[in-house]
Amino acid sequence: MILALISSNSRREIAAFGKVNFRDKNIIFGFGAATASFVFFFTLGYASRVLLPFFKKPISWKILEIFIGFLMMFLAFLLLFSKI
């Protein structure tokens, strides 16, 4: 049952993505992807230096793991109860 839901949802997303046409805008798309990648990794490196003192404490990791757990549960419920 779950496999059928996952399979049908991915087919719908692939079909929707297949309608997007980037043939005329390949250079712009590539530039945007490269820029987004650079900004993401630059921010990740800078944030790691700034947050280093905070994450030296073990309680900080527990708070982060709890936050990520709640976020994943929230997203799972959104997907479970969505009417797509």
Protein backbone atom coordinates (compact mmCIF):
# COMPACT_ATOMS: atom_id res chain seq x y z
CA MET A 1 0.00 0.00 0.00
CA ILE A 2 2.71 2.49 0.99
CA LEU A 3 4.79 1.52 -2.03
CA ALA A 4 1.82 2.24 -4.27
CA LEU A 5 1.38 5.70 -2.73
CA ILE A 6 5.08 6.52 -3.10
CA SER A 7 5.12 5.24 -6.67
CA SER A 8 2.05 7.19 -7.76
CA ASN A 9 3.26 10.41 -6.15
CA SER A 10 6.69 10.26 -7.80
CA ARG A 11 5.12 9.66 -11.21
CA ARG A 12 3.01 12.77 -10.79
CA GLU A 13 6.05 14.88 -9.83
CA ILE A 14 8.11 13.55 -12.74
CA ALA A 15 5.28 14.28 -15.15
CA ALA A 16 4.97 17.84 -13.84
CA PHE A 17 8.73 18.40 -14.07
CA GLY A 18 8.83 16.97 -17.59
CA LYS A 19 6.65 19.83 -18.84
CA VAL A 20 9.28 22.44 -17.96
CA ASN A 21 11.32 23.46 -20.99
CA PHE A 22 14.84 24.75 -20.38
CA ARG A 23 16.19 24.35 -23.92
CA ASP A 24 16.36 28.06 -24.58
CA LYS A 25 17.61 28.97 -21.14
CA ASN A 26 20.35 26.41 -20.43
CA ILE A 27 23.03 29.02 -19.78
CA ILE A 28 20.84 31.00 -17.41
CA PHE A 29 19.78 27.83 -15.60
CA GLY A 30 23.41 26.68 -15.27
CA PHE A 31 24.52 30.07 -13.98
CA GLY A 32 21.70 30.11 -11.43
CA ALA A 33 22.51 26.57 -10.26
CA ALA A 34 26.22 27.39 -9.90
CA THR A 35 25.46 30.61 -8.03
CA ALA A 36 23.05 28.86 -5.66
CA SER A 37 25.63 26.14 -4.98
CA PHE A 38 28.34 28.71 -4.23
CA VAL A 39 26.08 30.70 -1.90
CA PHE A 40 24.95 27.54 -0.10
CA PHE A 41 28.46 26.21 0.57
CA PHE A 42 29.84 29.65 1.46
CA THR A 43 27.03 30.12 3.99
CA LEU A 44 27.52 26.60 5.33
CA GLY A 45 31.22 27.25 5.94
CA TYR A 46 30.64 30.65 7.53
CA ALA A 47 27.81 29.37 9.74
CA SER A 48 29.95 26.46 10.96
CA ARG A 49 32.58 28.90 12.22
CA VAL A 50 29.99 31.10 13.92
CA LEU A 51 28.10 28.19 15.52
CA LEU A 52 31.19 26.28 16.69
CA PRO A 53 31.02 27.51 20.32
CA PHE A 54 27.31 26.68 20.50
CA PHE A 55 27.69 23.11 19.26
CA LYS A 56 30.54 22.24 21.63
CA LYS A 57 27.87 21.56 24.26
CA PRO A 58 26.16 18.13 24.09
CA ILE A 59 22.74 19.63 24.88
CA SER A 60 22.93 21.67 21.67
CA TRP A 61 23.11 18.49 19.59
CA LYS A 62 20.11 17.05 21.42
CA ILE A 63 18.11 20.22 20.76
CA LEU A 64 19.08 20.10 17.08
CA GLU A 65 18.10 16.42 16.79
CA ILE A 66 14.75 17.05 18.48
CA PHE A 67 14.07 20.00 16.18
CA ILE A 68 14.91 17.94 13.08
CA GLY A 69 12.71 15.10 14.37
CA PHE A 70 9.73 17.42 14.82
CA LEU A 71 10.34 18.95 11.41
CA MET A 72 10.40 15.54 9.75
CA MET A 73 7.23 14.47 11.56
CA PHE A 74 5.52 17.71 10.50
CA LEU A 75 6.51 17.14 6.86
CA ALA A 76 5.38 13.51 7.05
CA PHE A 77 1.96 14.55 8.33
CA LEU A 78 1.69 17.23 5.65
CA LEU A 79 2.38 14.61 3.00
CA LEU A 80 0.08 12.09 4.65
CA PHE A 81 -2.90 14.42 4.80
CA SER A 82 -2.36 16.39 1.59
CA LYS A 83 -4.96 16.03 -1.14
CA ILE A 84 -2.64 15.84 -4.12
